[in-house]
Amino acid sequence: MHGLYLVWLVQERGFPPALVATVLAAGDLCVFALEVPTGWVADRLGHRRSLIIGSFVQVCAMLAFWLAASAPALLAAALLVALGDAFRSGADEALLYRSCAALGREAEFQAIEARTGSVSLLMLVALLVGGAGIVTVAGYTAAWMTETALSATGLVLAYLMVEPPAAPAPRPDVETRASAWGPRWRIFVLLIVPAAVLDGLQATAGFLAQTGANAEVAGVTALVAAMTLSEAAGAWMGARVWRNDGRLHLLLLACGAAVFAVSQMWPAGTAAAAVVLAFLPGLIHPLRAVALQRVVADGARARIASFASACDMACSTLGLLMAGALSARRSR
């Protein structure tokens, strides 16, 4: 159902776009509130265990979303999705970094993180196209059954993972290079804020493009596939960036803001802007993951990644609320 749930909620279930935007924003707000606490739990309980808990909740959330027939039920499903996402967020990044360190491949973390993100996004495109085919041939019920089964598969994979040993202290050369950016708080602001704002801009443009008056399954499928491929291309490019500092992150943010501003002056270009804006988060997120994991202590890896993700959620929430308001205004 990746990319089709907005069409399903608005056209199949009959929920108003503004209500859907509000519910999704509430889910993002819940993730925002849970990110740091669940990150702390992951650092204390274990990143593998946190992934297992999050994956189990995700299975329950898919069932709840599938059966939701009212606004309260839809809200409850969105909150379950948020809980599952919060337990997985940060824990996956920390587990990957510690695994690379345990295998003596810490220097390859940026390339591995970027390639992993790119492959994951390409798989989403395959699932999107497959989901559209399932909806066309067998209907939304079959698609939700498949989505739930895939979530259960994720739970099994999380259970089969191994918790790696603690990673060594932050690398001295990275600390030295980071100190040139300024005080520690400035380092985190330069790394976290640009990616978060880009997420918000992309969420706004993506929602407006997917819920327009002419939205239909084939068109939305093509649009979301294009956005996902664009994000995957950004992640692929992230494996090849050799200079990773705050100035690059601010430059990417400036580019995203310019694209979004143009799309608002030219509404017909909203879909194209959504595709372009998807590229920038795909590029900046693996760069941020690398920079944060290399300067944080081992006992706070999931926490800092979760804090960064919480900032992403805050900006996405604001973006969805803005998108709902803009959508309601355009429909008048």
Protein backbone atom coordinates (compact mmCIF):
# COMPACT_ATOMS: atom_id res chain seq x y z
CA MET A 1 0.00 0.00 0.00
CA HIS A 2 3.02 2.30 -0.08
CA GLY A 3 1.98 5.45 -1.93
CA LEU A 4 -1.64 4.30 -2.38
CA TYR A 5 -2.94 4.76 1.16
CA LEU A 6 -3.80 8.43 0.51
CA VAL A 7 -5.92 7.47 -2.49
CA TRP A 8 -7.48 4.64 -0.47
CA LEU A 9 -8.33 6.88 2.48
CA VAL A 10 -9.67 9.78 0.42
CA GLN A 11 -11.44 7.98 -2.43
CA GLU A 12 -12.20 4.46 -1.12
CA ARG A 13 -12.94 5.29 2.53
CA GLY A 14 -14.28 8.77 1.84
CA PHE A 15 -12.21 10.64 4.42
CA PRO A 16 -11.74 14.38 3.63
CA PRO A 17 -8.15 15.28 2.64
CA ALA A 18 -7.94 17.80 5.50
CA LEU A 19 -8.91 15.08 8.02
CA VAL A 20 -6.36 12.66 6.55
CA ALA A 21 -3.66 15.32 6.75
CA THR A 22 -4.57 16.05 10.37
CA VAL A 23 -4.53 12.37 11.36
CA LEU A 24 -1.20 11.78 9.64
CA ALA A 25 0.16 14.89 11.33
CA ALA A 26 -1.05 13.52 14.68
CA GLY A 27 0.85 10.32 13.96
CA ASP A 28 3.98 12.30 13.19
CA LEU A 29 3.49 14.29 16.39
CA CYS A 30 3.27 11.02 18.32
CA VAL A 31 6.52 9.83 16.73
CA PHE A 32 8.06 13.15 17.69
CA ALA A 33 7.02 12.66 21.33
CA LEU A 34 8.23 9.03 21.43
CA GLU A 35 11.47 9.30 19.45
CA VAL A 36 13.85 10.22 22.27
CA PRO A 37 12.27 7.94 24.94
CA THR A 38 12.33 4.95 22.58
CA GLY A 39 15.88 5.85 21.54
CA TRP A 40 16.87 5.76 25.20
CA VAL A 41 15.16 2.37 25.56
CA ALA A 42 17.03 1.06 22.50
CA ASP A 43 20.39 2.18 23.90
CA ARG A 44 19.61 0.48 27.22
CA LEU A 45 17.60 -2.57 26.14
CA GLY A 46 19.46 -3.29 22.92
CA HIS A 47 18.99 -2.13 19.35
CA ARG A 48 17.94 -5.57 18.11
CA ARG A 49 15.24 -5.86 20.76
CA SER A 50 13.97 -2.41 19.91
CA LEU A 51 13.66 -3.43 16.26
CA ILE A 52 11.71 -6.54 17.27
CA ILE A 53 9.28 -4.52 19.40
CA GLY A 54 8.80 -1.95 16.65
CA SER A 55 8.22 -4.60 14.00
CA PHE A 56 5.60 -6.36 16.14
CA VAL A 57 3.74 -3.10 16.70
CA GLN A 58 3.94 -2.43 12.97
CA VAL A 59 2.08 -5.66 12.20
CA CYS A 60 -0.67 -4.64 14.62
CA ALA A 61 -0.76 -1.17 13.07
CA MET A 62 -1.27 -2.52 9.55
CA LEU A 63 -4.23 -4.56 10.72
CA ALA A 64 -5.70 -1.54 12.50
CA PHE A 65 -5.24 0.69 9.45
CA TRP A 66 -6.83 -1.90 7.19
CA LEU A 67 -9.94 -2.17 9.39
CA ALA A 68 -10.28 1.54 10.24
CA ALA A 69 -13.74 2.78 9.26
CA SER A 70 -14.07 5.95 11.34
CA ALA A 71 -11.98 8.95 12.27
CA PRO A 72 -11.16 7.65 15.80
CA ALA A 73 -10.18 4.23 14.41
CA LEU A 74 -8.02 5.91 11.78
CA LEU A 75 -6.34 7.99 14.47
CA ALA A 76 -5.69 4.90 16.61
CA ALA A 77 -4.10 3.13 13.63
CA ALA A 78 -1.91 6.14 12.89
CA LEU A 79 -0.74 6.23 16.51
CA LEU A 80 0.17 2.53 16.36
CA VAL A 81 2.18 3.15 13.22
CA ALA A 82 3.92 5.98 15.06
CA LEU A 83 4.78 3.73 18.00
CA GLY A 84 6.27 1.07 15.73
CA ASP A 85 8.24 3.65 13.78
CA ALA A 86 9.58 5.21 16.99
CA PHE A 87 10.94 1.89 18.28
CA ARG A 88 12.68 1.17 14.98
CA SER A 89 13.94 4.69 14.38
CA GLY A 90 17.48 5.24 15.58
CA ALA A 91 17.89 1.59 16.54
CA ASP A 92 18.41 0.54 12.91
CA GLU A 93 21.03 3.21 12.29
CA ALA A 94 22.89 2.44 15.53
CA LEU A 95 22.77 -1.32 14.86
CA LEU A 96 24.23 -0.83 11.38
CA TYR A 97 27.03 1.43 12.61
CA ARG A 98 27.99 -0.91 15.45
CA SER A 99 27.91 -3.87 13.05
CA CYS A 100 30.28 -2.06 10.67
CA ALA A 101 32.60 -1.21 13.57
CA ALA A 102 32.53 -4.81 14.84
CA LEU A 103 33.49 -6.07 11.36
CA GLY A 104 36.32 -3.54 11.03
CA ARG A 105 34.48 -1.66 8.28
CA GLU A 106 33.65 1.58 10.07
CA ALA A 107 35.28 3.62 7.30
CA GLU A 108 32.78 2.13 4.86
CA PHE A 109 29.74 3.11 6.93
CA GLN A 110 28.78 6.08 4.73
CA ALA A 111 28.82 3.99 1.55
CA ILE A 112 26.98 1.10 3.21
CA GLU A 113 24.37 3.40 4.79
CA ALA A 114 23.77 5.18 1.49
CA ARG A 115 23.60 1.97 -0.57
CA THR A 116 21.28 0.38 1.97
CA GLY A 117 18.95 3.36 1.78
CA SER A 118 19.06 3.34 -2.01
CA VAL A 119 18.28 -0.38 -2.28
CA SER A 120 15.47 -0.04 0.27
CA LEU A 121 13.89 2.74 -1.77
CA LEU A 122 14.20 0.76 -4.98
CA MET A 123 12.42 -2.12 -3.26
CA LEU A 124 9.67 0.33 -2.30
CA VAL A 125 9.25 1.16 -5.97
CA ALA A 126 8.89 -2.54 -6.75
CA LEU A 127 6.37 -2.90 -3.93
CA LEU A 128 4.52 0.19 -5.15
CA VAL A 129 4.18 -1.13 -8.68
CA GLY A 130 3.23 -4.56 -7.33
CA GLY A 131 0.70 -2.98 -4.96
CA ALA A 132 -0.92 -1.04 -7.78
CA GLY A 133 -1.19 -4.26 -9.76
CA ILE A 134 -2.75 -6.07 -6.80
CA VAL A 135 -5.27 -3.24 -6.29
CA THR A 136 -6.17 -3.24 -9.98
CA VAL A 137 -6.59 -7.02 -10.22
CA ALA A 138 -7.78 -8.08 -6.75
CA GLY A 139 -8.74 -4.89 -4.91
CA TYR A 140 -7.54 -3.07 -1.81
CA THR A 141 -8.26 -5.99 0.56
CA ALA A 142 -5.68 -8.18 -1.14
CA ALA A 143 -3.20 -5.30 -1.05
CA TRP A 144 -3.66 -4.83 2.69
CA MET A 145 -3.23 -8.57 3.26
CA THR A 146 0.06 -8.42 1.37
CA GLU A 147 1.17 -5.34 3.34
CA THR A 148 0.46 -7.08 6.64
CA ALA A 149 2.33 -10.22 5.54
CA LEU A 150 5.37 -8.14 4.58
CA SER A 151 5.31 -6.44 7.98
CA ALA A 152 5.28 -9.87 9.62
CA THR A 153 8.29 -10.83 7.48
CA GLY A 154 10.09 -7.77 8.84
CA LEU A 155 9.39 -9.01 12.37
CA VAL A 156 10.98 -12.38 11.57
CA LEU A 157 14.06 -10.70 10.08
CA ALA A 158 14.47 -8.48 13.14
CA TYR A 159 14.33 -11.56 15.37
CA LEU A 160 17.10 -13.23 13.33
CA MET A 161 19.50 -10.29 13.73
CA VAL A 162 22.46 -10.30 16.12
CA GLU A 163 23.30 -7.56 18.64
CA PRO A 164 26.91 -6.41 17.90
CA PRO A 165 29.38 -5.45 20.64
CA ALA A 166 29.91 -1.83 21.68
CA ALA A 167 31.65 0.31 19.10
CA PRO A 168 34.92 2.09 19.88
CA ALA A 169 35.06 5.74 20.95
CA PRO A 170 34.53 8.47 18.33
CA ARG A 171 37.40 8.70 15.83
CA PRO A 172 39.92 11.46 16.72
CA ASP A 173 40.22 12.65 13.12
CA VAL A 174 36.45 13.10 12.89
CA GLU A 175 36.38 15.00 16.19
CA THR A 176 39.16 17.28 14.92
CA ARG A 177 37.40 17.99 11.66
CA ALA A 178 34.08 18.56 13.43
CA SER A 179 35.64 21.05 15.85
CA ALA A 180 36.24 23.38 12.91
CA TRP A 181 32.46 23.78 12.55
CA GLY A 182 32.16 25.45 15.95
CA PRO A 183 30.73 24.45 19.37
CA ARG A 184 29.09 21.06 19.77
CA TRP A 185 25.55 22.50 19.74
CA ARG A 186 26.29 24.19 16.41
CA ILE A 187 27.49 20.91 14.94
CA PHE A 188 24.17 19.24 15.71
CA VAL A 189 22.16 22.22 14.46
CA LEU A 190 24.03 22.21 11.16
CA LEU A 191 23.54 18.46 10.77
CA ILE A 192 19.99 17.99 12.01
CA VAL A 193 18.01 21.08 10.97
CA PRO A 194 18.64 21.10 7.18
CA ALA A 195 17.54 17.49 6.71
CA ALA A 196 14.48 18.03 8.90
CA VAL A 197 13.33 21.11 6.98
CA LEU A 198 13.86 19.33 3.67
CA ASP A 199 11.63 16.51 4.94
CA GLY A 200 8.92 19.05 5.75
CA LEU A 201 9.09 20.67 2.32
CA GLN A 202 8.96 17.30 0.59
CA ALA A 203 6.01 16.16 2.73
CA THR A 204 4.05 19.27 1.80
CA ALA A 205 4.73 19.03 -1.92
CA GLY A 206 4.14 15.28 -1.97
CA PHE A 207 0.77 15.50 -0.20
CA LEU A 208 -0.48 18.27 -2.50
CA ALA A 209 0.60 16.32 -5.58
CA GLN A 210 -1.02 13.05 -4.43
CA THR A 211 -4.38 14.49 -3.33
CA GLY A 212 -5.05 16.84 -6.23
CA ALA A 213 -8.41 16.92 -7.98
CA ASN A 214 -7.19 14.63 -10.76
CA ALA A 215 -5.55 12.06 -8.49
CA GLU A 216 -6.19 8.41 -9.43
CA VAL A 217 -4.46 5.10 -8.78
CA ALA A 218 -2.32 4.96 -11.94
CA GLY A 219 -1.25 8.59 -11.72
CA VAL A 220 -0.46 8.48 -8.02
CA THR A 221 1.43 5.22 -8.49
CA ALA A 222 3.58 6.80 -11.18
CA LEU A 223 4.16 9.92 -9.08
CA VAL A 224 5.14 8.06 -5.91
CA ALA A 225 7.36 5.72 -7.94
CA ALA A 226 9.09 8.76 -9.43
CA MET A 227 9.53 10.35 -5.99
CA THR A 228 10.90 7.13 -4.53
CA LEU A 229 13.30 6.64 -7.43
CA SER A 230 14.44 10.23 -7.01
CA GLU A 231 15.07 9.66 -3.31
CA ALA A 232 16.94 6.45 -4.13
CA ALA A 233 19.09 8.37 -6.60
CA GLY A 234 19.88 10.86 -3.85
CA ALA A 235 20.90 8.05 -1.50
CA TRP A 236 23.04 6.51 -4.25
CA MET A 237 24.77 9.86 -4.68
CA GLY A 238 25.32 10.03 -0.91
CA ALA A 239 27.72 7.11 -1.13
CA ARG A 240 29.94 9.17 -3.42
CA VAL A 241 30.11 12.47 -1.54
CA TRP A 242 33.63 12.89 -0.15
CA ARG A 243 33.14 16.16 1.76
CA ASN A 244 30.48 15.97 4.47
CA ASP A 245 30.16 19.16 6.51
CA GLY A 246 27.61 21.72 7.65
CA ARG A 247 28.11 23.99 4.65
CA LEU A 248 27.03 21.23 2.27
CA HIS A 249 23.91 20.58 4.35
CA LEU A 250 22.97 24.27 4.31
CA LEU A 251 23.49 24.41 0.54
CA LEU A 252 21.13 21.47 0.04
CA LEU A 253 18.55 23.19 2.24
CA ALA A 254 18.78 26.39 0.18
CA CYS A 255 18.24 24.40 -3.02
CA GLY A 256 15.16 22.70 -1.57
CA ALA A 257 13.66 25.97 -0.36
CA ALA A 258 14.09 27.49 -3.82
CA VAL A 259 12.38 24.54 -5.54
CA PHE A 260 9.45 24.64 -3.11
CA ALA A 261 9.01 28.40 -3.54
CA VAL A 262 8.84 28.04 -7.32
CA SER A 263 6.23 25.25 -7.02
CA GLN A 264 3.97 27.49 -4.93
CA MET A 265 4.14 30.25 -7.52
CA TRP A 266 3.45 27.70 -10.25
CA PRO A 267 0.96 25.09 -8.89
CA ALA A 268 1.09 23.07 -12.11
CA GLY A 269 4.66 22.18 -11.21
CA THR A 270 3.82 20.70 -7.78
CA ALA A 271 4.34 17.12 -8.96
CA ALA A 272 7.70 17.93 -10.54
CA ALA A 273 8.75 19.80 -7.39
CA ALA A 274 7.79 16.79 -5.24
CA VAL A 275 10.05 14.57 -7.35
CA VAL A 276 12.97 17.01 -7.15
CA LEU A 277 12.49 17.56 -3.42
CA ALA A 278 12.56 13.79 -2.82
CA PHE A 279 16.12 13.67 -4.17
CA LEU A 280 17.48 16.04 -1.52
CA PRO A 281 16.37 14.09 1.61
CA GLY A 282 17.66 10.93 -0.04
CA LEU A 283 21.07 12.58 -0.37
CA ILE A 284 21.27 14.36 2.97
CA HIS A 285 20.03 11.62 5.33
CA PRO A 286 22.92 9.15 4.90
CA LEU A 287 25.36 12.06 5.20
CA ARG A 288 23.75 13.11 8.46
CA ALA A 289 23.71 9.55 9.79
CA VAL A 290 27.43 9.19 9.18
CA ALA A 291 28.35 12.53 10.75
CA LEU A 292 26.24 11.94 13.87
CA GLN A 293 27.32 8.35 14.49
CA ARG A 294 30.97 9.30 14.20
CA VAL A 295 30.86 12.02 16.86
CA VAL A 296 28.49 10.50 19.43
CA ALA A 297 29.30 8.18 22.32
CA ASP A 298 28.34 4.51 21.98
CA GLY A 299 25.69 4.67 24.70
CA ALA A 300 23.75 7.40 22.92
CA ARG A 301 23.78 6.29 19.29
CA ALA A 302 20.08 5.44 19.03
CA ARG A 303 19.17 8.49 21.11
CA ILE A 304 20.89 11.01 18.85
CA ALA A 305 19.55 9.32 15.72
CA SER A 306 16.07 9.34 17.28
CA PHE A 307 16.43 13.00 18.22
CA ALA A 308 17.33 13.81 14.62
CA SER A 309 14.34 11.78 13.43
CA ALA A 310 12.11 13.62 15.93
CA CYS A 311 13.12 16.89 14.30
CA ASP A 312 12.25 15.34 10.92
CA MET A 313 8.83 14.39 12.27
CA ALA A 314 8.23 17.88 13.65
CA CYS A 315 8.92 19.44 10.27
CA SER A 316 6.87 16.78 8.45
CA THR A 317 3.97 17.45 10.83
CA LEU A 318 4.08 21.15 10.07
CA GLY A 319 4.33 20.31 6.39
CA LEU A 320 1.27 18.05 6.44
CA LEU A 321 -0.78 20.61 8.35
CA MET A 322 0.22 23.25 5.82
CA ALA A 323 -0.57 20.87 2.97
CA GLY A 324 -4.04 20.18 4.41
CA ALA A 325 -4.75 23.91 4.67
CA LEU A 326 -3.50 24.57 1.15
CA SER A 327 -5.53 21.62 -0.19
CA ALA A 328 -8.72 22.90 1.47
CA ARG A 329 -8.10 26.40 0.09
CA ARG A 330 -7.55 25.12 -3.46
CA SER A 331 -10.74 23.03 -3.37
CA ARG A 332 -12.93 26.06 -2.63
